[in-house]
């Protein structure tokens, strides 16, 4: 069974976990409606992506 030879210090452990933080989601204002939307995602309300209709929306 594999056992660590030495205890990992708090400093080394925390340096390794420095990149584990959550990143903020990038929101932008929609050009047509002015609502906040995520970049590179289809707007499910209107079905628009990059200024063109991609999904048919049922009313």
C-alpha atoms as a PDB file:
ATOM      1  CA  UNK A   1       0.000   0.000   0.000  1.00  0.00           C
ATOM      2  CA  UNK A   2       1.350   3.423  -0.940  1.00  0.00           C
ATOM      3  CA  UNK A   3       2.001   5.717   2.008  1.00  0.00           C
ATOM      4  CA  UNK A   4       3.379   9.273   1.824  1.00  0.00           C
ATOM      5  CA  UNK A   5       6.959   9.502   3.100  1.00  0.00           C
ATOM      6  CA  UNK A   6       6.480  12.994   4.543  1.00  0.00           C
ATOM      7  CA  UNK A   7       3.527  15.126   5.647  1.00  0.00           C
ATOM      8  CA  UNK A   8       2.424  17.666   3.068  1.00  0.00           C
ATOM      9  CA  UNK A   9       2.710  21.113   4.613  1.00  0.00           C
ATOM     10  CA  UNK A  10      -0.227  23.522   4.699  1.00  0.00           C
ATOM     11  CA  UNK A  11       1.676  25.905   2.449  1.00  0.00           C
ATOM     12  CA  UNK A  12       2.340  23.300  -0.252  1.00  0.00           C
ATOM     13  CA  UNK A  13      -1.215  21.971  -0.023  1.00  0.00           C
ATOM     14  CA  UNK A  14      -2.726  25.457  -0.377  1.00  0.00           C
ATOM     15  CA  UNK A  15      -0.429  26.353  -3.274  1.00  0.00           C
ATOM     16  CA  UNK A  16      -1.683  23.305  -5.137  1.00  0.00           C
ATOM     17  CA  UNK A  17      -5.299  24.293  -4.448  1.00  0.00           C
ATOM     18  CA  UNK A  18      -4.790  27.891  -5.541  1.00  0.00           C
ATOM     19  CA  UNK A  19      -6.448  27.179  -8.903  1.00  0.00           C
ATOM     20  CA  UNK A  20      -9.535  25.474  -7.469  1.00  0.00           C
ATOM     21  CA  UNK A  21     -11.535  28.693  -7.037  1.00  0.00           C
ATOM     22  CA  UNK A  22     -14.731  29.154  -9.028  1.00  0.00           C
ATOM     23  CA  UNK A  23     -14.585  31.639 -11.883  1.00  0.00           C
ATOM     24  CA  UNK A  24     -17.265  34.253 -12.464  1.00  0.00           C
ATOM     25  CA  UNK A  25     -19.627  33.708 -15.392  1.00  0.00           C
ATOM     26  CA  UNK A  26     -19.225  36.284 -18.141  1.00  0.00           C
ATOM     27  CA  UNK A  27     -22.527  38.080 -18.810  1.00  0.00           C
ATOM     28  CA  UNK A  28     -23.102  40.653 -21.541  1.00  0.00           C
ATOM     29  CA  UNK A  29     -26.071  42.810 -22.477  1.00  0.00           C
ATOM     30  CA  UNK A  30     -28.122  41.541 -25.424  1.00  0.00           C
ATOM     31  CA  UNK A  31     -28.121  43.973 -28.348  1.00  0.00           C
ATOM     32  CA  UNK A  32     -31.807  43.475 -29.166  1.00  0.00           C
ATOM     33  CA  UNK A  33     -33.535  43.031 -25.806  1.00  0.00           C
ATOM     34  CA  UNK A  34     -31.000  44.560 -23.396  1.00  0.00           C
ATOM     35  CA  UNK A  35     -31.240  41.525 -21.105  1.00  0.00           C
ATOM     36  CA  UNK A  36     -28.107  39.885 -19.671  1.00  0.00           C
ATOM     37  CA  UNK A  37     -27.070  36.780 -21.640  1.00  0.00           C
ATOM     38  CA  UNK A  38     -24.048  34.466 -21.548  1.00  0.00           C
ATOM     39  CA  UNK A  39     -21.483  34.766 -24.307  1.00  0.00           C
ATOM     40  CA  UNK A  40     -21.384  32.040 -26.975  1.00  0.00           C
ATOM     41  CA  UNK A  41     -24.760  30.642 -25.852  1.00  0.00           C
ATOM     42  CA  UNK A  42     -28.095  30.644 -27.666  1.00  0.00           C
ATOM     43  CA  UNK A  43     -30.715  32.881 -26.029  1.00  0.00           C
ATOM     44  CA  UNK A  44     -33.461  30.365 -25.210  1.00  0.00           C
ATOM     45  CA  UNK A  45     -36.136  33.071 -24.859  1.00  0.00           C
ATOM     46  CA  UNK A  46     -35.753  34.460 -28.368  1.00  0.00           C
ATOM     47  CA  UNK A  47     -33.805  31.654 -30.088  1.00  0.00           C
ATOM     48  CA  UNK A  48     -31.234  34.141 -31.410  1.00  0.00           C
ATOM     49  CA  UNK A  49     -27.474  33.606 -31.684  1.00  0.00           C
ATOM     50  CA  UNK A  50     -25.106  36.167 -33.214  1.00  0.00           C
ATOM     51  CA  UNK A  51     -28.003  38.186 -34.597  1.00  0.00           C
ATOM     52  CA  UNK A  52     -29.740  35.349 -36.439  1.00  0.00           C
ATOM     53  CA  UNK A  53     -32.607  33.014 -35.603  1.00  0.00           C
ATOM     54  CA  UNK A  54     -31.267  29.586 -34.657  1.00  0.00           C
ATOM     55  CA  UNK A  55     -34.117  27.967 -32.689  1.00  0.00           C
ATOM     56  CA  UNK A  56     -37.822  28.196 -33.443  1.00  0.00           C
ATOM     57  CA  UNK A  57     -39.529  29.478 -30.294  1.00  0.00           C
ATOM     58  CA  UNK A  58     -43.053  28.262 -29.464  1.00  0.00           C
ATOM     59  CA  UNK A  59     -45.318  31.083 -28.257  1.00  0.00           C
END
